[in-house]
């Protein structure tokens, strides 16, 4: 996620809060219900934690990927799901195991997307 995108979403949801760009991480502070909250972490983790962007549920995404693979379709989905997909696939299917091609694009929040597919047996 670009820091500009984060800053825009932050200002919309927390106009009186403060956010500090610390290179690869951000530090944010805001108050609500008479309490002060401080968070520090990657732009994505803070944005997901504060519901600025939708959180990616790996199990839900893995189930969508497996459903597409069972229909012999490739699917573009969030990065980071392959280990869960392979584990879930192995519990209910025989080979071939699912594979992914890393970083084929980004979603609307600049999070990386992968292409998930079944490896075709090219040797017959």
Protein backbone atom coordinates (compact mmCIF):
# COMPACT_ATOMS: atom_id res chain seq x y z
CA UNK A 1 0.00 0.00 0.00
CA UNK A 2 1.33 3.36 -0.92
CA UNK A 3 1.73 5.74 1.99
CA UNK A 4 -0.40 8.29 0.12
CA UNK A 5 -3.31 5.83 -0.03
CA UNK A 6 -2.89 5.07 3.67
CA UNK A 7 -2.79 8.77 4.55
CA UNK A 8 -5.99 9.46 2.61
CA UNK A 9 -7.87 6.58 4.25
CA UNK A 10 -6.46 7.54 7.67
CA UNK A 11 -7.63 11.16 7.39
CA UNK A 12 -11.12 10.07 6.31
CA UNK A 13 -11.60 7.77 9.31
CA UNK A 14 -9.50 9.54 11.98
CA UNK A 15 -9.37 13.27 11.08
CA UNK A 16 -8.07 14.27 14.52
CA UNK A 17 -5.51 11.44 14.80
CA UNK A 18 -1.85 11.64 13.92
CA UNK A 19 0.17 9.37 11.66
CA UNK A 20 3.94 9.28 11.25
CA UNK A 21 5.66 7.70 8.27
CA UNK A 22 8.70 5.78 9.54
CA UNK A 23 9.94 4.38 6.24
CA UNK A 24 8.55 0.86 5.92
CA UNK A 25 6.29 1.28 8.95
CA UNK A 26 3.83 3.80 10.35
CA UNK A 27 3.04 4.96 13.87
CA UNK A 28 -0.50 6.19 14.47
CA UNK A 29 -2.24 7.75 17.46
CA UNK A 30 -5.91 8.58 17.91
CA UNK A 31 -8.39 8.95 20.73
CA UNK A 32 -11.81 7.40 21.11
CA UNK A 33 -14.15 7.07 24.09
CA UNK A 34 -11.76 9.04 26.26
CA UNK A 35 -8.86 6.64 25.58
CA UNK A 36 -5.72 7.14 23.51
CA UNK A 37 -4.68 4.38 21.12
CA UNK A 38 -1.21 3.92 19.61
CA UNK A 39 -0.32 1.44 16.88
CA UNK A 40 2.96 0.82 15.09
CA UNK A 41 3.58 -1.61 12.26
CA UNK A 42 3.59 -2.11 8.52
CA UNK A 43 1.21 0.04 6.53
CA UNK A 44 -0.88 -3.05 5.71
CA UNK A 45 -1.06 -4.37 9.26
CA UNK A 46 -2.09 -1.01 10.71
CA UNK A 47 -4.59 -0.38 7.90
CA UNK A 48 -6.19 -3.81 8.42
CA UNK A 49 -6.13 -3.52 12.23
CA UNK A 50 -7.97 -0.18 12.12
CA UNK A 51 -10.40 -1.35 9.41
CA UNK A 52 -9.14 1.14 6.86
CA UNK A 53 -9.00 -1.73 4.36
CA UNK A 54 -10.67 -5.14 4.49
CA UNK A 55 -8.67 -7.84 6.24
CA UNK A 56 -7.71 -10.83 4.10
CA UNK A 57 -8.97 -14.04 5.70
CA UNK A 58 -6.54 -16.70 4.47
CA UNK A 59 -8.96 -19.60 5.09
CA UNK A 60 -11.77 -17.91 3.14
CA UNK A 61 -9.40 -17.09 0.28
CA UNK A 62 -7.99 -20.64 0.29
CA UNK A 63 -11.50 -22.09 0.00
CA UNK A 64 -12.23 -19.82 -3.00
CA UNK A 65 -8.95 -20.85 -4.64
CA UNK A 66 -9.63 -24.56 -4.09
CA UNK A 67 -13.15 -24.23 -5.51
CA UNK A 68 -11.71 -22.68 -8.69
CA UNK A 69 -8.95 -25.30 -8.94
CA UNK A 70 -11.48 -28.13 -8.59
CA UNK A 71 -13.22 -26.67 -11.66
CA UNK A 72 -9.84 -26.71 -13.49
CA UNK A 73 -9.66 -22.92 -13.50
CA UNK A 74 -6.79 -20.62 -12.70
CA UNK A 75 -7.55 -17.85 -10.22
CA UNK A 76 -5.98 -14.54 -9.22
CA UNK A 77 -6.12 -14.10 -5.44
CA UNK A 78 -4.19 -12.41 -2.62
CA UNK A 79 -0.58 -13.43 -2.09
CA UNK A 80 0.36 -15.60 0.84
CA UNK A 81 -2.35 -18.23 0.48
CA UNK A 82 -0.35 -21.03 -1.17
CA UNK A 83 0.74 -22.88 2.00
CA UNK A 84 -2.84 -23.01 3.25
CA UNK A 85 -4.15 -24.02 -0.19
CA UNK A 86 -1.60 -26.84 -0.49
CA UNK A 87 -2.39 -28.09 3.01
CA UNK A 88 -6.17 -27.97 2.45
CA UNK A 89 -5.82 -29.49 -1.03
CA UNK A 90 -3.73 -32.40 0.28
CA UNK A 91 -6.40 -33.25 2.83
CA UNK A 92 -9.04 -33.88 0.17
CA UNK A 93 -7.35 -34.46 -3.21
CA UNK A 94 -4.62 -36.42 -4.94
CA UNK A 95 -1.87 -34.83 -7.01
CA UNK A 96 -1.22 -32.57 -8.81
CA UNK A 97 -0.56 -30.06 -6.09
CA UNK A 98 -1.51 -26.41 -6.55
CA UNK A 99 1.16 -23.88 -7.50
CA UNK A 100 1.28 -20.11 -7.76
CA UNK A 101 3.00 -17.50 -9.85
CA UNK A 102 4.11 -14.70 -7.60
CA UNK A 103 2.93 -11.13 -7.92
CA UNK A 104 0.91 -10.86 -11.10
CA UNK A 105 -0.61 -7.55 -10.04
CA UNK A 106 -2.10 -5.68 -7.11
CA UNK A 107 -5.57 -5.13 -5.68
CA UNK A 108 -7.18 -1.74 -5.16
CA UNK A 109 -5.13 -1.28 -1.96
CA UNK A 110 -1.80 -2.13 -3.65
CA UNK A 111 -1.60 -5.56 -1.98
CA UNK A 112 0.15 -8.18 -4.16
CA UNK A 113 -1.89 -10.76 -6.05
CA UNK A 114 -0.77 -14.21 -7.22
CA UNK A 115 -2.03 -16.56 -9.93
CA UNK A 116 -2.94 -19.99 -8.54
CA UNK A 117 -3.07 -23.04 -10.84
CA UNK A 118 -2.65 -26.81 -11.02
CA UNK A 119 0.58 -28.02 -12.56
CA UNK A 120 -0.13 -29.98 -15.72
CA UNK A 121 1.75 -33.28 -16.10
CA UNK A 122 3.76 -32.45 -19.22
CA UNK A 123 5.51 -35.84 -19.38
CA UNK A 124 2.37 -37.84 -19.95
